[in-house]
Amino acid sequence: MTSSLGQHEALEVHELLTFKNLCLTKSFTMSALAQDSELKALIDNDVNAAKNHIQQLQNFLASGGTSS
């Protein structure tokens, strides 16, 4: 099934992308400050997941919100 995003839906995805970028920035910064190895590992995992999610959202927007 193929669909296209409406204007309001595209805006929501852009807002989500902005939020994920902010979270990534904060996590990356906190990772450098973390002294506990377990906490640093958790934050680093969050950084990697956030990068993946951001890439997925960017790909989704680039495709015009269509899926097959």
N, C-alpha and C. Protein backbone atom coordinates (compact mmCIF):
# COMPACT_ATOMS: atom_id res chain seq x y z
N MET A 1 0.85 -1.18 0.00
CA MET A 1 0.00 0.00 0.00
C MET A 1 0.89 1.23 0.00
N THR A 2 0.57 2.20 -0.81
CA THR A 2 1.34 3.43 -0.92
C THR A 2 0.52 4.57 -0.35
N SER A 3 1.15 5.39 0.48
CA SER A 3 0.46 6.55 1.03
C SER A 3 1.41 7.74 1.01
N SER A 4 0.85 8.90 1.15
CA SER A 4 1.63 10.12 1.17
C SER A 4 1.25 10.92 2.41
N LEU A 5 2.22 11.62 2.97
CA LEU A 5 1.95 12.40 4.17
C LEU A 5 1.17 13.66 3.84
N GLY A 6 0.21 13.98 4.70
CA GLY A 6 -0.45 15.26 4.62
C GLY A 6 0.47 16.32 5.20
N GLN A 7 0.14 17.57 4.98
CA GLN A 7 0.98 18.66 5.46
C GLN A 7 1.14 18.62 6.98
N HIS A 8 0.06 18.39 7.70
CA HIS A 8 0.14 18.34 9.16
C HIS A 8 0.96 17.13 9.63
N GLU A 9 0.88 16.03 8.90
CA GLU A 9 1.66 14.84 9.26
C GLU A 9 3.15 15.08 9.04
N ALA A 10 3.48 15.73 7.93
CA ALA A 10 4.88 16.05 7.66
C ALA A 10 5.44 16.97 8.73
N LEU A 11 4.62 17.94 9.18
CA LEU A 11 5.04 18.84 10.24
C LEU A 11 5.30 18.06 11.53
N GLU A 12 4.44 17.11 11.85
CA GLU A 12 4.63 16.29 13.06
C GLU A 12 5.93 15.49 12.98
N VAL A 13 6.23 14.93 11.81
CA VAL A 13 7.47 14.17 11.65
C VAL A 13 8.67 15.08 11.80
N HIS A 14 8.58 16.29 11.24
CA HIS A 14 9.68 17.27 11.40
C HIS A 14 9.88 17.62 12.87
N GLU A 15 8.79 17.80 13.60
CA GLU A 15 8.89 18.10 15.03
C GLU A 15 9.54 16.93 15.78
N LEU A 16 9.16 15.73 15.42
CA LEU A 16 9.76 14.55 16.04
C LEU A 16 11.25 14.46 15.72
N LEU A 17 11.62 14.78 14.50
CA LEU A 17 13.02 14.77 14.09
C LEU A 17 13.82 15.81 14.88
N THR A 18 13.24 16.99 15.06
CA THR A 18 13.90 18.04 15.84
C THR A 18 14.09 17.58 17.29
N PHE A 19 13.07 16.97 17.86
CA PHE A 19 13.15 16.47 19.23
C PHE A 19 14.23 15.39 19.36
N LYS A 20 14.27 14.45 18.41
CA LYS A 20 15.26 13.38 18.46
C LYS A 20 16.68 13.94 18.34
N ASN A 21 16.86 14.98 17.51
CA ASN A 21 18.17 15.61 17.39
C ASN A 21 18.59 16.27 18.70
N LEU A 22 17.66 16.91 19.37
CA LEU A 22 17.95 17.52 20.66
C LEU A 22 18.33 16.45 21.69
N CYS A 23 17.58 15.37 21.72
CA CYS A 23 17.89 14.27 22.64
C CYS A 23 19.27 13.68 22.36
N LEU A 24 19.60 13.52 21.09
CA LEU A 24 20.91 13.00 20.71
C LEU A 24 22.02 13.92 21.20
N THR A 25 21.84 15.21 21.01
CA THR A 25 22.84 16.18 21.46
C THR A 25 23.05 16.10 22.96
N LYS A 26 21.95 16.02 23.71
CA LYS A 26 22.05 15.94 25.17
C LYS A 26 22.71 14.64 25.61
N SER A 27 22.32 13.53 25.01
CA SER A 27 22.90 12.24 25.37
C SER A 27 24.39 12.19 25.05
N PHE A 28 24.77 12.71 23.90
CA PHE A 28 26.17 12.74 23.50
C PHE A 28 26.99 13.55 24.49
N THR A 29 26.45 14.70 24.89
CA THR A 29 27.14 15.56 25.86
C THR A 29 27.25 14.87 27.22
N MET A 30 26.17 14.26 27.67
CA MET A 30 26.18 13.60 28.97
C MET A 30 27.11 12.39 28.98
N SER A 31 27.24 11.72 27.84
CA SER A 31 28.12 10.57 27.76
C SER A 31 29.56 10.96 28.08
N ALA A 32 29.96 12.12 27.59
CA ALA A 32 31.32 12.60 27.85
C ALA A 32 31.53 12.93 29.32
N LEU A 33 30.45 13.26 30.02
CA LEU A 33 30.56 13.64 31.43
C LEU A 33 30.37 12.47 32.39
N ALA A 34 29.80 11.39 31.91
CA ALA A 34 29.50 10.23 32.78
C ALA A 34 30.79 9.58 33.25
N GLN A 35 30.84 9.29 34.54
CA GLN A 35 32.01 8.63 35.10
C GLN A 35 31.76 7.15 35.38
N ASP A 36 30.50 6.80 35.62
CA ASP A 36 30.14 5.42 35.87
C ASP A 36 30.11 4.66 34.54
N SER A 37 30.81 3.53 34.48
CA SER A 37 30.92 2.80 33.21
C SER A 37 29.58 2.24 32.73
N GLU A 38 28.74 1.78 33.65
CA GLU A 38 27.43 1.25 33.25
C GLU A 38 26.54 2.36 32.71
N LEU A 39 26.57 3.51 33.38
CA LEU A 39 25.78 4.64 32.92
C LEU A 39 26.27 5.11 31.55
N LYS A 40 27.58 5.18 31.38
CA LYS A 40 28.16 5.60 30.09
C LYS A 40 27.73 4.63 28.99
N ALA A 41 27.74 3.33 29.28
CA ALA A 41 27.32 2.34 28.28
C ALA A 41 25.86 2.52 27.91
N LEU A 42 25.00 2.78 28.90
CA LEU A 42 23.58 3.02 28.62
C LEU A 42 23.39 4.26 27.75
N ILE A 43 24.10 5.31 28.08
CA ILE A 43 23.99 6.55 27.30
C ILE A 43 24.52 6.34 25.89
N ASP A 44 25.63 5.62 25.77
CA ASP A 44 26.19 5.35 24.44
C ASP A 44 25.23 4.53 23.59
N ASN A 45 24.53 3.58 24.22
CA ASN A 45 23.52 2.80 23.51
C ASN A 45 22.38 3.71 23.04
N ASP A 46 22.00 4.66 23.89
CA ASP A 46 20.95 5.61 23.53
C ASP A 46 21.40 6.49 22.36
N VAL A 47 22.66 6.90 22.36
CA VAL A 47 23.20 7.71 21.26
C VAL A 47 23.11 6.94 19.96
N ASN A 48 23.52 5.69 19.98
CA ASN A 48 23.47 4.87 18.76
C ASN A 48 22.04 4.66 18.28
N ALA A 49 21.13 4.40 19.21
CA ALA A 49 19.73 4.22 18.83
C ALA A 49 19.15 5.51 18.26
N ALA A 50 19.48 6.64 18.87
CA ALA A 50 18.97 7.92 18.39
C ALA A 50 19.47 8.22 16.98
N LYS A 51 20.74 7.91 16.71
CA LYS A 51 21.28 8.11 15.36
C LYS A 51 20.52 7.28 14.34
N ASN A 52 20.21 6.04 14.72
CA ASN A 52 19.45 5.15 13.84
C ASN A 52 18.04 5.70 13.60
N HIS A 53 17.38 6.15 14.66
CA HIS A 53 16.02 6.68 14.54
C HIS A 53 16.00 7.94 13.68
N ILE A 54 16.99 8.80 13.87
CA ILE A 54 17.07 10.02 13.07
C ILE A 54 17.24 9.68 11.59
N GLN A 55 18.10 8.72 11.31
CA GLN A 55 18.31 8.31 9.91
C GLN A 55 17.01 7.76 9.31
N GLN A 56 16.29 6.97 10.08
CA GLN A 56 15.03 6.42 9.61
C GLN A 56 14.01 7.53 9.33
N LEU A 57 13.93 8.51 10.22
CA LEU A 57 13.00 9.62 10.01
C LEU A 57 13.40 10.44 8.79
N GLN A 58 14.70 10.69 8.62
CA GLN A 58 15.16 11.43 7.45
C GLN A 58 14.84 10.68 6.16
N ASN A 59 15.06 9.38 6.16
CA ASN A 59 14.73 8.57 4.98
C ASN A 59 13.23 8.61 4.69
N PHE A 60 12.44 8.54 5.74
CA PHE A 60 11.00 8.58 5.60
C PHE A 60 10.54 9.90 4.98
N LEU A 61 11.09 11.00 5.48
CA LEU A 61 10.73 12.30 4.92
C LEU A 61 11.23 12.46 3.49
N ALA A 62 12.42 11.95 3.21
CA ALA A 62 12.99 12.05 1.86
C ALA A 62 12.14 11.29 0.84
N SER A 63 11.52 10.22 1.30
CA SER A 63 10.68 9.43 0.40
C SER A 63 9.28 10.03 0.25
N GLY A 64 9.03 11.13 0.94
CA GLY A 64 7.72 11.76 0.86
C GLY A 64 6.69 11.06 1.71
N GLY A 65 7.16 10.23 2.63
CA GLY A 65 6.24 9.51 3.51
C GLY A 65 5.54 8.37 2.82
N THR A 66 6.15 7.86 1.76
CA THR A 66 5.52 6.74 1.05
C THR A 66 6.15 5.44 1.50
N SER A 67 5.38 4.42 1.49
CA SER A 67 5.86 3.08 1.80
C SER A 67 5.18 2.10 0.86
N SER A 68 5.82 0.97 0.66
CA SER A 68 5.21 -0.01 -0.24
C SER A 68 4.84 -1.27 0.50
